[in-house]
Protein backbone atom coordinates (compact mmCIF):
# COMPACT_ATOMS: atom_id res chain seq x y z
CA MET A 1 -92.61 28.04 23.55
CA LEU A 2 -91.95 28.89 20.02
CA GLN A 3 -88.95 30.62 21.20
CA ASP A 4 -87.82 27.46 22.97
CA LEU A 5 -88.38 25.48 19.80
CA ASP A 6 -86.38 28.01 17.78
CA PHE A 7 -83.65 27.84 20.36
CA LEU A 8 -83.77 24.05 20.31
CA ALA A 9 -83.72 24.04 16.48
CA ALA A 10 -80.73 26.37 16.52
CA ARG A 11 -79.00 24.08 19.03
CA VAL A 12 -79.82 21.00 16.97
CA GLY A 13 -78.48 22.84 13.91
CA GLN A 14 -75.29 23.64 15.82
CA LEU A 15 -75.03 20.00 16.92
CA VAL A 16 -75.56 18.79 13.36
CA GLN A 17 -72.96 21.26 12.12
CA LEU A 18 -70.58 20.20 14.90
CA ALA A 19 -71.24 16.51 14.12
CA ARG A 20 -70.52 17.12 10.44
CA GLN A 21 -67.38 19.03 11.37
CA LEU A 22 -66.31 16.16 13.64
CA GLN A 23 -67.05 13.65 10.86
CA ALA A 24 -64.96 15.71 8.44
CA GLU A 25 -62.13 15.91 10.97
CA CYS A 26 -62.45 12.18 11.61
CA ALA A 27 -62.26 11.48 7.88
CA ALA A 28 -59.24 13.79 7.58
CA HIS A 29 -57.59 12.05 10.54
CA GLN A 30 -58.32 8.64 9.03
CA ALA A 31 -56.86 9.76 5.73
CA ARG A 32 -53.81 11.13 7.57
CA LEU A 33 -53.58 7.89 9.55
CA HIS A 34 -53.78 5.89 6.32
CA THR A 35 -51.03 8.05 4.76
CA LEU A 36 -48.84 7.67 7.86
CA GLU A 37 -49.37 3.89 7.83
CA GLN A 38 -48.30 3.78 4.18
CA GLU A 39 -45.19 5.86 5.02
CA ARG A 40 -44.47 3.57 7.99
CA ASN A 41 -44.82 0.49 5.76
CA ALA A 42 -42.57 2.05 3.12
CA LEU A 43 -39.98 2.92 5.80
CA ARG A 44 -40.23 -0.61 7.25
CA ASP A 45 -39.66 -2.07 3.78
CA GLU A 46 -36.71 0.28 3.27
CA LEU A 47 -35.31 -0.76 6.65
CA HIS A 48 -35.64 -4.45 5.74
CA ARG A 49 -33.99 -3.82 2.37
CA ARG A 50 -31.12 -1.92 4.00
CA ASP A 51 -30.72 -4.60 6.66
CA ALA A 52 -30.50 -7.21 3.89
CA GLU A 53 -27.95 -5.07 2.02
CA TYR A 54 -25.94 -4.58 5.22
CA SER A 55 -26.01 -8.31 5.94
CA SER A 56 -24.94 -9.06 2.38
CA ALA A 57 -22.18 -6.45 2.54
CA SER A 58 -21.03 -7.84 5.90
CA GLU A 59 -20.88 -11.35 4.47
CA ARG A 60 -18.95 -10.15 1.42
CA MET A 61 -16.58 -8.21 3.66
CA ALA A 62 -16.02 -11.28 5.83
CA ASP A 63 -15.37 -13.35 2.69
CA HIS A 64 -12.95 -10.73 1.37
CA GLU A 65 -11.19 -10.56 4.74
CA ALA A 66 -10.81 -14.35 4.73
CA GLN A 67 -9.48 -14.28 1.16
CA LEU A 68 -7.12 -11.43 2.03
CA GLN A 69 -5.83 -13.31 5.07
CA ALA A 70 -5.32 -16.43 2.93
CA VAL A 71 -3.38 -14.39 0.37
CA ARG A 72 -1.32 -12.81 3.17
CA ASN A 73 -0.55 -16.22 4.62
CA GLU A 74 0.38 -17.53 1.19
CA ALA A 75 2.59 -14.50 0.53
CA GLN A 76 4.31 -14.90 3.90
CA ALA A 77 4.91 -18.58 3.22
CA ALA A 78 6.28 -17.78 -0.24
CA LEU A 79 8.46 -15.04 1.23
CA ALA A 80 9.78 -17.39 3.90
CA ALA A 81 10.48 -20.06 1.28
CA ALA A 82 12.20 -17.53 -0.99
CA LYS A 83 14.29 -16.24 1.95
CA SER A 84 15.25 -19.78 2.90
CA GLU A 85 16.18 -20.56 -0.71
CA SER A 86 18.08 -17.28 -0.96
CA ASP A 87 19.99 -18.02 2.25
CA ALA A 88 20.84 -21.52 0.99
CA LEU A 89 21.98 -20.17 -2.38
CA GLN A 90 24.02 -17.46 -0.68
CA ALA A 91 25.69 -20.03 1.57
CA GLN A 92 26.38 -22.20 -1.48
CA LEU A 93 27.83 -19.20 -3.36
CA HIS A 94 30.06 -18.32 -0.39
CA ALA A 95 31.27 -21.93 -0.23
CA GLU A 96 31.99 -21.95 -3.97
CA LEU A 97 33.73 -18.57 -3.73
CA SER A 98 35.90 -19.85 -0.91
CA ARG A 99 36.70 -23.01 -2.88
CA TYR A 100 37.55 -20.97 -6.01
CA LYS A 101 39.75 -18.63 -3.98
CA THR A 102 41.57 -21.63 -2.53
CA GLU A 103 41.96 -23.11 -6.03
CA ALA A 104 43.19 -19.77 -7.38
CA GLU A 105 45.77 -19.50 -4.59
CA ALA A 106 46.90 -23.09 -5.27
CA LEU A 107 47.10 -22.35 -9.02
CA ARG A 108 49.09 -19.14 -8.32
CA GLY A 109 51.47 -21.17 -6.20
CA ARG A 110 51.84 -23.78 -8.92
CA LEU A 111 52.33 -21.03 -11.52
CA SER A 112 55.05 -19.46 -9.39
CA ALA A 113 56.70 -22.84 -8.94
CA SER A 114 56.36 -23.50 -12.69
CA GLU A 115 57.85 -20.13 -13.54
CA ALA A 116 60.69 -20.74 -11.10
CA ASP A 117 61.26 -24.21 -12.59
CA SER A 118 61.08 -22.77 -16.10
CA SER A 119 63.57 -20.05 -15.22
CA ARG A 120 65.87 -22.58 -13.57
CA LEU A 121 65.54 -24.92 -16.57
CA ARG A 122 66.37 -22.05 -18.97
CA GLY A 123 69.43 -21.33 -16.93
CA VAL A 124 70.41 -25.00 -16.91
CA ALA A 125 69.68 -25.27 -20.66
CA ALA A 126 71.82 -22.19 -21.36
CA LYS A 127 74.61 -23.61 -19.20
CA ALA A 128 74.25 -26.99 -20.95
CA ARG A 129 74.45 -25.23 -24.36
CA GLU A 130 77.58 -23.45 -23.30
CA GLN A 131 79.11 -26.70 -22.09
CA ILE A 132 78.08 -28.51 -25.28
CA ASP A 133 79.49 -25.66 -27.38
CA SER A 134 82.69 -25.77 -25.33
CA ILE A 135 82.95 -29.54 -25.79
CA LEU A 136 82.22 -29.26 -29.49
CA MET A 137 84.90 -26.63 -29.84
CA ARG A 138 87.47 -28.84 -28.24
CA LEU A 139 86.73 -31.82 -30.44
CA PRO A 140 89.26 -32.47 -33.14
CA GLY A 141 88.22 -31.11 -36.47
CA ALA A 142 85.99 -28.53 -34.98
CA PRO A 143 86.17 -25.16 -36.64
CA GLN A 144 88.19 -22.66 -34.66
CA GLU A 145 86.94 -19.26 -34.03
């Protein structure tokens, strides 16, 4: 019977040791669980922060896209207006050029006519001088050559 009690005491000692070992493992697991929960919470916070940053960046990108589109539209409108103005000015310049060419041709014609008239008048004036000289020579008391 003593032997049974020794055996029982040894078994109780093993159970106590096993219970303490299980308690130590349980405490280690709880500590590990607590650490993992802290890591999970930190990762959740990081995820929320990154989601907020992503949302903010998306909003800024959308705003920038809208501003860029507005600038593009404004630039296209300005380009269209400038092209229209350029076309109008070019048409006006062509019209003025045509008018000046016509005026130049008319002035050249008048110059030619003036030069022809001037040449004809010089000839007539020379002929008139000769006739006047001839008449003056025939007048009485005119010096004879």
